[in-house]
Structures are given as C-alpha cells and as structure tokens.
C-alpha cells in the first residue's frame, strides 16, 4: 500500500492530523477541512471518507480497512482503538424513502427530506466486514459487531452483536482493558 508522507498529509488540508498516520494514496476524502485524524491511524486503499457540516473525528490507534466508507452531513466520531473491517459503511445521513420526497444528491434540497444524525463509536468498538451503521447510532465502549450486520439502533457496551438487524449474541470479555493499560505503559502514554 502506497501511503502519503507526513509532509504530504499536512498539505492535504485536514482539520487536524496526528502522528504516525498511514493513509493510502488510493483513499478518497471530501470535506477534508472538516476531518480530524488522531495519531497512529491507518486508512487503507479505496476508502471514501466524506465529511458534511458535522465533521468526522477519528481518535487514536484506529484502523479503517479496504473499501470502507464514512459518509454524511451529521457528525461521525470514532474513539480510540476502533477497528473498522473491510467494506463497512457508516452513514450519518439518510434519504426519505417514503415516496413523499425525491432522493439523491443531485436534486435540490427543496424536494428532498434528507435526515442527518450523528454516529458515535466509543473506545474499543469493532465493526465486522460488510456491516452497515445507520444515522443516529451510538455503539458503546467495547462492543463488537459481527460481519454483514445492519446496525440501525444504538448498542450497549461490552456486547457481541450480529444480524440484520443486529441482535445481542453474548457478552464481550473486558480483559482487553488490562491490555490497554499495559500498552499505554509501554508507549509512555504517547499518542
């Protein structure tokens, strides 16, 4: 994967950019001035990150895998240690499909009824390959979403969820919190 150099990343025009950031030259960014990226972040080939007025905020130690998208006018926040698997789509905007309004971004907003709601993924959230996260969702700390899932409602912390729409499957072990503390100690708390 060919990535931008630190100097090139600074020149791209992100709102904020941290250290040790690896972004593929094949990733696409829109509204880049509304995108903040923490430190130790990797964004792979063919990802599309499109920030509307709400902005997109990526914390530290985040990976966004190949062919994933984060799109919408509502704010999207990914806290530290989130992992987004391949082909995941996160949306903070949604058209009105009732038939009372027209859809698609080429139509004047006077004739559409697009809803914008924030999306938040708290620390240690993992989203499995091919999953879709819809507007208005908050996934609480430590929750994991299985592959090919539809997340259309907020999820409590420390659970494993899967399905279309997602359902609780089992509790997730919190042992990784001890690993986090050990990890922070080894890096001296540096982000």
N, C-alpha and C. Protein backbone atom coordinates (compact mmCIF):
# COMPACT_ATOMS: atom_id res chain seq x y z
N UNK A 1 0.85 -1.17 0.00
CA UNK A 1 0.00 0.00 0.00
C UNK A 1 0.90 1.23 0.00
N UNK A 2 0.75 2.06 -0.99
CA UNK A 2 1.48 3.32 -1.08
C UNK A 2 0.75 4.36 -0.24
N UNK A 3 1.47 5.00 0.68
CA UNK A 3 0.85 5.96 1.59
C UNK A 3 1.46 7.35 1.43
N UNK A 4 0.69 8.35 1.86
CA UNK A 4 1.18 9.72 1.86
C UNK A 4 2.27 9.88 2.91
N UNK A 5 3.24 10.74 2.62
CA UNK A 5 4.27 11.07 3.60
C UNK A 5 3.66 12.03 4.63
N UNK A 6 4.31 12.19 5.80
CA UNK A 6 3.80 13.16 6.79
C UNK A 6 3.68 14.58 6.21
N UNK A 7 4.62 14.98 5.38
CA UNK A 7 4.56 16.32 4.78
C UNK A 7 3.36 16.43 3.85
N UNK A 8 3.14 15.39 3.03
CA UNK A 8 2.00 15.40 2.13
C UNK A 8 0.68 15.42 2.89
N UNK A 9 0.61 14.69 4.00
CA UNK A 9 -0.61 14.68 4.82
C UNK A 9 -0.91 16.08 5.33
N UNK A 10 0.11 16.79 5.78
CA UNK A 10 -0.08 18.17 6.26
C UNK A 10 -0.62 19.06 5.15
N UNK A 11 -0.18 18.83 3.94
CA UNK A 11 -0.57 19.68 2.81
C UNK A 11 -1.96 19.36 2.27
N UNK A 12 -2.52 18.20 2.62
CA UNK A 12 -3.83 17.82 2.09
C UNK A 12 -4.96 18.70 2.63
N UNK A 13 -4.77 19.28 3.82
CA UNK A 13 -5.76 20.22 4.33
C UNK A 13 -6.71 19.67 5.38
N UNK A 14 -6.35 18.58 6.06
CA UNK A 14 -7.18 18.07 7.15
C UNK A 14 -7.32 19.12 8.24
N UNK A 15 -8.45 19.07 8.95
CA UNK A 15 -8.66 19.99 10.08
C UNK A 15 -7.56 19.80 11.11
N UNK A 16 -7.28 18.54 11.45
CA UNK A 16 -6.19 18.16 12.34
C UNK A 16 -5.63 16.83 11.86
N UNK A 17 -4.34 16.64 12.04
CA UNK A 17 -3.71 15.36 11.68
C UNK A 17 -2.66 15.04 12.74
N UNK A 18 -2.70 13.83 13.26
CA UNK A 18 -1.78 13.41 14.31
C UNK A 18 -0.48 12.87 13.75
N UNK A 19 0.22 12.11 14.57
CA UNK A 19 1.49 11.50 14.21
C UNK A 19 1.29 10.03 13.83
N UNK A 20 2.23 9.54 13.06
CA UNK A 20 2.22 8.13 12.66
C UNK A 20 0.89 7.75 12.00
N UNK A 21 0.50 8.55 11.03
CA UNK A 21 -0.74 8.32 10.28
C UNK A 21 -0.36 7.76 8.91
N UNK A 22 -1.00 6.65 8.54
CA UNK A 22 -0.73 5.98 7.28
C UNK A 22 -2.02 5.94 6.46
N UNK A 23 -2.06 6.75 5.41
CA UNK A 23 -3.25 6.84 4.57
C UNK A 23 -2.87 6.47 3.14
N UNK A 24 -3.61 5.53 2.59
CA UNK A 24 -3.37 5.10 1.22
C UNK A 24 -3.59 6.25 0.24
N UNK A 25 -2.75 6.29 -0.77
CA UNK A 25 -2.93 7.26 -1.85
C UNK A 25 -4.18 6.95 -2.66
N UNK A 26 -4.75 5.76 -2.47
CA UNK A 26 -5.96 5.36 -3.19
C UNK A 26 -7.23 5.62 -2.41
N UNK A 27 -7.12 6.21 -1.22
CA UNK A 27 -8.30 6.60 -0.43
C UNK A 27 -8.78 7.96 -0.93
N UNK A 28 -10.08 8.21 -0.80
CA UNK A 28 -10.67 9.48 -1.25
C UNK A 28 -11.26 10.24 -0.06
N UNK A 29 -11.07 11.57 -0.07
CA UNK A 29 -11.57 12.42 1.01
C UNK A 29 -12.35 13.58 0.43
N UNK A 30 -13.50 13.88 1.04
CA UNK A 30 -14.33 15.01 0.66
C UNK A 30 -14.66 15.79 1.93
N UNK A 31 -14.66 17.11 1.83
CA UNK A 31 -14.84 17.92 3.02
C UNK A 31 -13.66 17.74 3.95
N UNK A 32 -12.47 17.62 3.38
CA UNK A 32 -11.26 17.28 4.14
C UNK A 32 -10.99 18.28 5.26
N UNK A 33 -11.41 19.53 5.07
CA UNK A 33 -11.20 20.55 6.09
C UNK A 33 -12.08 20.32 7.32
N UNK A 34 -13.00 19.37 7.25
CA UNK A 34 -13.86 19.01 8.39
C UNK A 34 -13.52 17.63 8.95
N UNK A 35 -12.34 17.10 8.59
CA UNK A 35 -11.92 15.78 9.05
C UNK A 35 -10.72 15.92 9.97
N UNK A 36 -10.86 15.40 11.19
CA UNK A 36 -9.78 15.39 12.18
C UNK A 36 -9.32 13.95 12.39
N UNK A 37 -8.01 13.75 12.33
CA UNK A 37 -7.46 12.41 12.48
C UNK A 37 -6.42 12.44 13.59
N UNK A 38 -6.57 11.54 14.55
CA UNK A 38 -5.63 11.43 15.66
C UNK A 38 -4.32 10.79 15.22
N UNK A 39 -3.60 10.24 16.18
CA UNK A 39 -2.31 9.60 15.92
C UNK A 39 -2.46 8.09 15.81
N UNK A 40 -1.52 7.48 15.09
CA UNK A 40 -1.48 6.03 14.92
C UNK A 40 -2.76 5.53 14.26
N UNK A 41 -3.06 6.11 13.12
CA UNK A 41 -4.27 5.78 12.37
C UNK A 41 -3.84 5.26 11.00
N UNK A 42 -4.53 4.21 10.55
CA UNK A 42 -4.29 3.67 9.20
C UNK A 42 -5.60 3.61 8.44
N UNK A 43 -5.60 4.18 7.22
CA UNK A 43 -6.75 4.14 6.34
C UNK A 43 -6.29 3.50 5.03
N UNK A 44 -6.90 2.38 4.69
CA UNK A 44 -6.45 1.55 3.58
C UNK A 44 -6.99 1.98 2.22
N UNK A 45 -6.58 1.24 1.18
CA UNK A 45 -6.99 1.50 -0.20
C UNK A 45 -8.51 1.57 -0.36
N UNK A 46 -8.93 2.44 -1.24
CA UNK A 46 -10.31 2.55 -1.73
C UNK A 46 -11.33 2.92 -0.67
N UNK A 47 -10.89 3.49 0.44
CA UNK A 47 -11.82 4.01 1.43
C UNK A 47 -12.31 5.38 0.95
N UNK A 48 -13.56 5.71 1.30
CA UNK A 48 -14.12 7.02 0.99
C UNK A 48 -14.57 7.63 2.31
N UNK A 49 -14.00 8.77 2.64
CA UNK A 49 -14.33 9.49 3.86
C UNK A 49 -14.87 10.85 3.42
N UNK A 50 -16.17 11.07 3.63
CA UNK A 50 -16.83 12.28 3.14
C UNK A 50 -17.54 12.98 4.30
N UNK A 51 -16.99 14.11 4.72
CA UNK A 51 -17.50 14.83 5.88
C UNK A 51 -18.41 15.98 5.47
N UNK A 52 -19.60 15.99 6.03
CA UNK A 52 -20.51 17.11 5.86
C UNK A 52 -20.27 18.13 6.95
N UNK A 53 -21.29 18.96 7.23
CA UNK A 53 -21.14 20.03 8.21
C UNK A 53 -20.78 19.55 9.60
N UNK A 54 -21.22 18.35 9.99
CA UNK A 54 -20.94 17.83 11.33
C UNK A 54 -19.52 17.40 11.54
N UNK A 55 -18.81 17.11 10.47
CA UNK A 55 -17.41 16.70 10.56
C UNK A 55 -17.23 15.23 10.90
N UNK A 56 -16.01 14.78 10.71
CA UNK A 56 -15.62 13.41 11.06
C UNK A 56 -14.40 13.51 11.97
N UNK A 57 -14.45 12.81 13.10
CA UNK A 57 -13.40 12.85 14.11
C UNK A 57 -12.93 11.44 14.39
N UNK A 58 -11.67 11.16 14.04
CA UNK A 58 -11.08 9.85 14.30
C UNK A 58 -10.09 10.00 15.44
N UNK A 59 -10.21 9.15 16.45
CA UNK A 59 -9.32 9.18 17.59
C UNK A 59 -7.96 8.58 17.26
N UNK A 60 -7.35 7.96 18.26
CA UNK A 60 -6.01 7.38 18.14
C UNK A 60 -6.07 5.86 18.03
N UNK A 61 -5.07 5.31 17.37
CA UNK A 61 -4.96 3.85 17.19
C UNK A 61 -6.22 3.28 16.55
N UNK A 62 -6.53 3.80 15.37
CA UNK A 62 -7.71 3.37 14.62
C UNK A 62 -7.27 2.78 13.29
N UNK A 63 -7.96 1.74 12.87
CA UNK A 63 -7.73 1.17 11.54
C UNK A 63 -9.06 1.16 10.79
N UNK A 64 -9.03 1.65 9.55
CA UNK A 64 -10.19 1.60 8.65
C UNK A 64 -9.74 0.79 7.44
N UNK A 65 -10.31 -0.39 7.28
CA UNK A 65 -9.85 -1.34 6.27
C UNK A 65 -10.38 -1.02 4.88
N UNK A 66 -9.84 -1.69 3.92
CA UNK A 66 -10.08 -1.51 2.50
C UNK A 66 -11.57 -1.45 2.14
N UNK A 67 -11.90 -0.54 1.23
CA UNK A 67 -13.25 -0.36 0.67
C UNK A 67 -14.30 0.09 1.69
N UNK A 68 -13.90 0.67 2.80
CA UNK A 68 -14.88 1.15 3.78
C UNK A 68 -15.24 2.60 3.49
N UNK A 69 -16.43 3.01 3.97
CA UNK A 69 -16.90 4.38 3.74
C UNK A 69 -17.45 4.97 5.02
N UNK A 70 -17.20 6.26 5.19
CA UNK A 70 -17.83 7.06 6.24
C UNK A 70 -18.37 8.28 5.53
N UNK A 71 -19.71 8.41 5.50
CA UNK A 71 -20.35 9.43 4.66
C UNK A 71 -21.52 10.07 5.39
N UNK A 72 -21.66 11.39 5.27
CA UNK A 72 -22.86 12.05 5.75
C UNK A 72 -22.61 13.43 6.30
N UNK A 73 -23.70 14.18 6.46
CA UNK A 73 -23.61 15.54 6.97
C UNK A 73 -23.60 15.60 8.49
N UNK A 74 -24.11 14.56 9.16
CA UNK A 74 -24.07 14.52 10.62
C UNK A 74 -22.67 14.19 11.10
N UNK A 75 -22.37 14.56 12.34
CA UNK A 75 -21.06 14.28 12.91
C UNK A 75 -20.84 12.78 13.05
N UNK A 76 -19.62 12.34 12.76
CA UNK A 76 -19.22 10.95 12.98
C UNK A 76 -17.97 10.97 13.85
N UNK A 77 -18.03 10.22 14.96
CA UNK A 77 -16.91 10.17 15.90
C UNK A 77 -16.52 8.73 16.17
N UNK A 78 -15.24 8.42 15.94
CA UNK A 78 -14.68 7.12 16.28
C UNK A 78 -13.65 7.36 17.37
N UNK A 79 -13.89 6.78 18.54
CA UNK A 79 -12.98 6.96 19.68
C UNK A 79 -11.75 6.05 19.51
N UNK A 80 -10.82 6.19 20.42
CA UNK A 80 -9.57 5.43 20.37
C UNK A 80 -9.82 3.93 20.26
N UNK A 81 -8.93 3.27 19.54
CA UNK A 81 -8.85 1.81 19.40
C UNK A 81 -10.01 1.20 18.61
N UNK A 82 -10.73 1.98 17.83
CA UNK A 82 -11.78 1.39 16.99
C UNK A 82 -11.15 0.68 15.80
N UNK A 83 -11.82 -0.38 15.38
CA UNK A 83 -11.37 -1.14 14.21
C UNK A 83 -12.55 -1.32 13.27
N UNK A 84 -12.39 -0.81 12.05
CA UNK A 84 -13.42 -0.90 11.02
C UNK A 84 -12.91 -1.89 9.98
N UNK A 85 -13.58 -3.03 9.84
CA UNK A 85 -13.15 -4.06 8.90
C UNK A 85 -13.49 -3.67 7.47
N UNK A 86 -13.10 -4.52 6.53
CA UNK A 86 -13.29 -4.24 5.11
C UNK A 86 -14.76 -4.09 4.74
N UNK A 87 -15.02 -3.17 3.81
CA UNK A 87 -16.34 -2.94 3.22
C UNK A 87 -17.43 -2.53 4.21
N UNK A 88 -17.04 -1.88 5.28
CA UNK A 88 -18.01 -1.35 6.23
C UNK A 88 -18.47 0.01 5.73
N UNK A 89 -19.77 0.31 5.91
CA UNK A 89 -20.32 1.61 5.55
C UNK A 89 -20.96 2.24 6.79
N UNK A 90 -20.52 3.46 7.09
CA UNK A 90 -21.07 4.22 8.20
C UNK A 90 -21.71 5.48 7.63
N UNK A 91 -23.01 5.65 7.88
CA UNK A 91 -23.76 6.77 7.32
C UNK A 91 -24.31 7.66 8.44
N UNK A 92 -24.13 8.99 8.29
CA UNK A 92 -24.75 9.93 9.23
C UNK A 92 -25.85 10.74 8.54
N UNK A 93 -26.20 10.37 7.32
CA UNK A 93 -27.31 10.98 6.59
C UNK A 93 -28.09 9.88 5.89
N UNK A 94 -29.40 10.12 5.72
CA UNK A 94 -30.26 9.11 5.12
C UNK A 94 -31.40 9.79 4.37
N UNK A 95 -31.63 9.37 3.13
CA UNK A 95 -32.76 9.88 2.37
C UNK A 95 -34.08 9.42 2.96
N UNK A 96 -35.16 10.11 2.62
CA UNK A 96 -36.52 9.72 2.98
C UNK A 96 -37.04 8.84 1.84
N UNK A 97 -37.26 7.57 2.13
CA UNK A 97 -37.69 6.61 1.11
C UNK A 97 -39.20 6.40 1.09
N UNK A 98 -39.95 7.27 1.75
CA UNK A 98 -41.40 7.10 1.85
C UNK A 98 -42.11 7.27 0.51
N UNK A 99 -41.47 7.93 -0.41
CA UNK A 99 -42.11 8.24 -1.68
C UNK A 99 -42.70 9.64 -1.71
N UNK A 100 -42.72 10.31 -0.56
CA UNK A 100 -43.23 11.68 -0.49
C UNK A 100 -42.20 12.70 -0.97
N UNK A 101 -40.94 12.28 -1.05
CA UNK A 101 -39.86 13.17 -1.45
C UNK A 101 -38.98 12.48 -2.48
N UNK A 102 -38.25 13.30 -3.20
CA UNK A 102 -37.28 12.76 -4.14
C UNK A 102 -36.00 12.41 -3.38
N UNK A 103 -35.17 11.60 -4.01
CA UNK A 103 -33.91 11.20 -3.39
C UNK A 103 -32.75 11.44 -4.35
N UNK A 104 -31.60 11.57 -3.81
CA UNK A 104 -30.25 11.62 -4.39
C UNK A 104 -29.69 13.03 -4.32
N UNK A 105 -28.39 13.14 -4.25
CA UNK A 105 -27.75 14.44 -4.02
C UNK A 105 -27.81 15.40 -5.20
N UNK A 106 -28.28 14.95 -6.34
CA UNK A 106 -28.36 15.84 -7.50
C UNK A 106 -29.67 16.62 -7.53
N UNK A 107 -30.58 16.33 -6.59
CA UNK A 107 -31.88 17.01 -6.51
C UNK A 107 -31.77 18.17 -5.52
N UNK A 108 -32.36 19.29 -5.85
CA UNK A 108 -32.39 20.44 -4.96
C UNK A 108 -33.00 20.02 -3.62
N UNK A 109 -32.37 20.39 -2.49
CA UNK A 109 -32.88 20.01 -1.16
C UNK A 109 -34.34 20.40 -0.90
N UNK A 110 -34.87 21.35 -1.64
CA UNK A 110 -36.26 21.75 -1.50
C UNK A 110 -37.20 20.56 -1.77
N UNK A 111 -36.75 19.61 -2.56
CA UNK A 111 -37.57 18.48 -2.97
C UNK A 111 -37.18 17.16 -2.30
N UNK A 112 -36.22 17.21 -1.39
CA UNK A 112 -35.79 16.01 -0.66
C UNK A 112 -36.05 16.20 0.82
N UNK A 113 -35.88 15.15 1.58
CA UNK A 113 -36.05 15.21 3.03
C UNK A 113 -34.96 14.38 3.70
N UNK A 114 -33.72 14.76 3.45
CA UNK A 114 -32.58 14.01 4.00
C UNK A 114 -32.48 14.28 5.50
N UNK A 115 -32.35 13.22 6.26
CA UNK A 115 -32.19 13.31 7.72
C UNK A 115 -30.72 13.14 8.06
N UNK A 116 -30.22 13.97 8.97
CA UNK A 116 -28.82 13.92 9.39
C UNK A 116 -28.79 13.69 10.89
N UNK A 117 -28.09 12.66 11.32
CA UNK A 117 -27.96 12.37 12.75
C UNK A 117 -26.54 11.90 13.03
N UNK A 118 -25.99 12.25 14.19
CA UNK A 118 -24.62 11.85 14.50
C UNK A 118 -24.49 10.33 14.68
N UNK A 119 -23.28 9.87 14.47
CA UNK A 119 -22.93 8.46 14.71
C UNK A 119 -21.69 8.48 15.60
N UNK A 120 -21.72 7.68 16.66
CA UNK A 120 -20.59 7.62 17.59
C UNK A 120 -20.21 6.17 17.85
N UNK A 121 -18.92 5.88 17.70
CA UNK A 121 -18.36 4.59 18.09
C UNK A 121 -17.39 4.89 19.23
N UNK A 122 -17.69 4.34 20.41
CA UNK A 122 -16.84 4.59 21.57
C UNK A 122 -15.60 3.70 21.54
N UNK A 123 -14.75 3.85 22.55
CA UNK A 123 -13.47 3.11 22.60
C UNK A 123 -13.66 1.60 22.42
N UNK A 124 -12.72 1.01 21.71
CA UNK A 124 -12.62 -0.44 21.52
C UNK A 124 -13.78 -1.06 20.76
N UNK A 125 -14.46 -0.30 19.94
CA UNK A 125 -15.54 -0.85 19.13
C UNK A 125 -14.93 -1.49 17.88
N UNK A 126 -15.45 -2.67 17.54
CA UNK A 126 -15.02 -3.40 16.35
C UNK A 126 -16.26 -3.60 15.48
N UNK A 127 -16.13 -3.26 14.19
CA UNK A 127 -17.23 -3.47 13.24
C UNK A 127 -16.75 -4.49 12.20
N UNK A 128 -17.48 -5.60 12.09
CA UNK A 128 -17.11 -6.68 11.18
C UNK A 128 -17.34 -6.35 9.72
N UNK A 129 -16.66 -7.09 8.86
CA UNK A 129 -16.66 -6.86 7.41
C UNK A 129 -18.07 -6.82 6.84
N UNK A 130 -18.28 -5.87 5.94
CA UNK A 130 -19.53 -5.77 5.20
C UNK A 130 -20.71 -5.23 5.99
N UNK A 131 -20.48 -4.74 7.19
CA UNK A 131 -21.58 -4.23 8.02
C UNK A 131 -21.94 -2.80 7.64
N UNK A 132 -23.17 -2.41 8.00
CA UNK A 132 -23.68 -1.07 7.74
C UNK A 132 -24.15 -0.47 9.06
N UNK A 133 -23.70 0.76 9.33
CA UNK A 133 -24.11 1.50 10.53
C UNK A 133 -24.91 2.71 10.04
N UNK A 134 -26.14 2.86 10.53
CA UNK A 134 -27.04 3.91 10.06
C UNK A 134 -27.02 5.15 10.97
N UNK A 135 -27.56 6.27 10.48
CA UNK A 135 -27.56 7.52 11.24
C UNK A 135 -28.23 7.39 12.61
N UNK A 136 -27.72 8.15 13.57
CA UNK A 136 -28.30 8.20 14.90
C UNK A 136 -27.82 7.11 15.84
N UNK A 137 -26.91 6.27 15.39
CA UNK A 137 -26.45 5.13 16.19
C UNK A 137 -25.27 5.53 17.07
N UNK A 138 -25.29 5.09 18.32
CA UNK A 138 -24.13 5.12 19.21
C UNK A 138 -23.83 3.69 19.60
N UNK A 139 -22.60 3.28 19.38
CA UNK A 139 -22.15 1.95 19.80
C UNK A 139 -21.23 2.18 20.98
N UNK A 140 -21.68 1.71 22.14
CA UNK A 140 -20.98 1.96 23.39
C UNK A 140 -19.67 1.18 23.48
N UNK A 141 -18.85 1.60 24.43
CA UNK A 141 -17.50 1.08 24.61
C UNK A 141 -17.44 -0.45 24.59
N UNK A 142 -16.46 -0.94 23.83
CA UNK A 142 -16.14 -2.36 23.85
C UNK A 142 -17.05 -3.28 23.10
N UNK A 143 -18.03 -2.78 22.40
CA UNK A 143 -18.94 -3.66 21.69
C UNK A 143 -18.35 -4.09 20.35
N UNK A 144 -18.71 -5.29 19.93
CA UNK A 144 -18.25 -5.84 18.66
C UNK A 144 -19.47 -6.20 17.82
N UNK A 145 -19.39 -5.87 16.54
CA UNK A 145 -20.47 -6.15 15.60
C UNK A 145 -19.96 -7.17 14.59
N UNK A 146 -20.68 -8.28 14.44
CA UNK A 146 -20.28 -9.33 13.52
C UNK A 146 -20.39 -8.92 12.07
N UNK A 147 -19.72 -9.67 11.21
CA UNK A 147 -19.71 -9.39 9.78
C UNK A 147 -21.12 -9.40 9.19
N UNK A 148 -21.33 -8.58 8.18
CA UNK A 148 -22.58 -8.50 7.40
C UNK A 148 -23.78 -8.12 8.25
N UNK A 149 -23.56 -7.29 9.25
CA UNK A 149 -24.64 -6.88 10.15
C UNK A 149 -25.18 -5.51 9.77
N UNK A 150 -26.44 -5.25 10.16
CA UNK A 150 -27.08 -3.96 9.98
C UNK A 150 -27.31 -3.37 11.36
N UNK A 151 -26.63 -2.24 11.64
CA UNK A 151 -26.77 -1.57 12.94
C UNK A 151 -27.69 -0.38 12.73
N UNK A 152 -28.95 -0.54 13.12
CA UNK A 152 -29.94 0.52 12.93
C UNK A 152 -30.42 1.11 14.25
N UNK A 153 -29.88 0.62 15.37
CA UNK A 153 -30.18 1.15 16.70
C UNK A 153 -28.90 1.18 17.52
N UNK A 154 -28.88 2.03 18.54
CA UNK A 154 -27.71 2.12 19.41
C UNK A 154 -27.52 0.82 20.18
N UNK A 155 -26.24 0.54 20.52
CA UNK A 155 -25.90 -0.71 21.19
C UNK A 155 -25.23 -0.44 22.52
N UNK A 156 -25.63 -1.18 23.58
CA UNK A 156 -24.98 -1.04 24.88
C UNK A 156 -23.52 -1.52 24.85
N UNK A 157 -22.79 -1.23 25.90
CA UNK A 157 -21.37 -1.56 25.97
C UNK A 157 -21.13 -3.06 26.20
N UNK A 158 -19.97 -3.48 25.79
CA UNK A 158 -19.40 -4.80 26.04
C UNK A 158 -20.31 -5.96 25.65
N UNK A 159 -20.86 -5.86 24.46
CA UNK A 159 -21.64 -6.96 23.91
C UNK A 159 -21.11 -7.36 22.55
N UNK A 160 -21.48 -8.55 22.12
CA UNK A 160 -21.21 -9.00 20.76
C UNK A 160 -22.57 -9.06 20.08
N UNK A 161 -22.68 -8.39 18.94
CA UNK A 161 -23.94 -8.24 18.23
C UNK A 161 -23.76 -8.70 16.79
N UNK A 162 -24.79 -9.30 16.20
CA UNK A 162 -24.72 -9.70 14.80
C UNK A 162 -26.13 -9.85 14.26
N UNK A 163 -26.25 -9.77 12.93
CA UNK A 163 -27.52 -10.00 12.27
C UNK A 163 -28.02 -8.78 11.53
N UNK A 164 -29.20 -8.97 10.90
CA UNK A 164 -29.82 -7.91 10.10
C UNK A 164 -31.28 -7.78 10.47
N UNK A 165 -31.63 -6.91 11.41
CA UNK A 165 -30.76 -6.01 12.16
C UNK A 165 -30.03 -6.76 13.28
N UNK A 166 -29.02 -6.09 13.87
CA UNK A 166 -28.20 -6.74 14.89
C UNK A 166 -29.03 -7.11 16.11
N UNK A 167 -28.64 -8.20 16.70
CA UNK A 167 -29.19 -8.66 17.98
C UNK A 167 -28.04 -9.03 18.90
N UNK A 168 -28.29 -8.90 20.19
CA UNK A 168 -27.29 -9.28 21.17
C UNK A 168 -27.03 -10.78 21.08
N UNK A 169 -25.76 -11.18 21.05
CA UNK A 169 -25.39 -12.60 20.98
C UNK A 169 -24.78 -13.08 22.28
N UNK A 170 -23.85 -12.26 22.83
CA UNK A 170 -23.21 -12.63 24.10
C UNK A 170 -22.44 -11.44 24.64
N UNK A 171 -22.00 -11.56 25.89
CA UNK A 171 -21.16 -10.52 26.48
C UNK A 171 -19.76 -10.62 25.91
N UNK A 172 -19.11 -9.48 25.80
CA UNK A 172 -17.71 -9.45 25.35
C UNK A 172 -16.81 -9.30 26.56
N UNK A 173 -15.73 -10.06 26.57
CA UNK A 173 -14.77 -10.03 27.67
C UNK A 173 -14.10 -8.66 27.75
N UNK A 174 -13.94 -8.14 28.95
CA UNK A 174 -13.32 -6.83 29.16
C UNK A 174 -11.83 -6.92 29.46
N UNK A 175 -11.26 -8.11 29.28
CA UNK A 175 -9.83 -8.30 29.53
C UNK A 175 -8.95 -7.37 28.71
N UNK A 176 -9.43 -6.93 27.59
CA UNK A 176 -8.62 -6.04 26.74
C UNK A 176 -8.32 -4.72 27.43
N UNK A 177 -9.10 -4.36 28.46
CA UNK A 177 -8.82 -3.12 29.19
C UNK A 177 -7.50 -3.21 29.94
N UNK A 178 -7.16 -4.41 30.44
CA UNK A 178 -5.85 -4.61 31.08
C UNK A 178 -4.75 -4.53 30.03
N UNK A 179 -5.00 -5.08 28.86
CA UNK A 179 -4.04 -5.00 27.76
C UNK A 179 -3.83 -3.53 27.35
N UNK A 180 -4.92 -2.75 27.36
CA UNK A 180 -4.81 -1.34 27.02
C UNK A 180 -3.87 -0.64 28.01
N UNK A 181 -4.04 -0.90 29.30
CA UNK A 181 -3.20 -0.25 30.30
C UNK A 181 -1.73 -0.65 30.14
N UNK A 182 -1.49 -1.92 29.86
CA UNK A 182 -0.11 -2.39 29.63
C UNK A 182 0.46 -1.72 28.37
N UNK A 183 -0.35 -1.62 27.33
CA UNK A 183 0.08 -0.99 26.09
C UNK A 183 0.43 0.48 26.32
N UNK A 184 -0.44 1.19 27.03
CA UNK A 184 -0.19 2.61 27.32
C UNK A 184 1.11 2.77 28.11
N UNK A 185 1.37 1.85 29.03
CA UNK A 185 2.61 1.91 29.81
C UNK A 185 3.85 1.73 28.92
N UNK A 186 3.75 0.86 27.91
CA UNK A 186 4.89 0.62 27.03
C UNK A 186 5.17 1.80 26.10
N UNK A 187 4.14 2.53 25.73
CA UNK A 187 4.35 3.68 24.83
C UNK A 187 4.45 4.99 25.62
N UNK A 188 4.43 4.88 26.94
CA UNK A 188 4.57 6.07 27.77
C UNK A 188 3.41 7.02 27.70
N UNK A 189 2.20 6.48 27.37
CA UNK A 189 1.01 7.30 27.28
C UNK A 189 1.00 8.24 26.09
N UNK A 190 1.94 8.03 25.15
CA UNK A 190 2.06 8.92 23.98
C UNK A 190 1.05 8.52 22.91
N UNK A 191 0.44 9.54 22.38
CA UNK A 191 -0.42 9.34 21.22
C UNK A 191 0.25 10.07 20.10
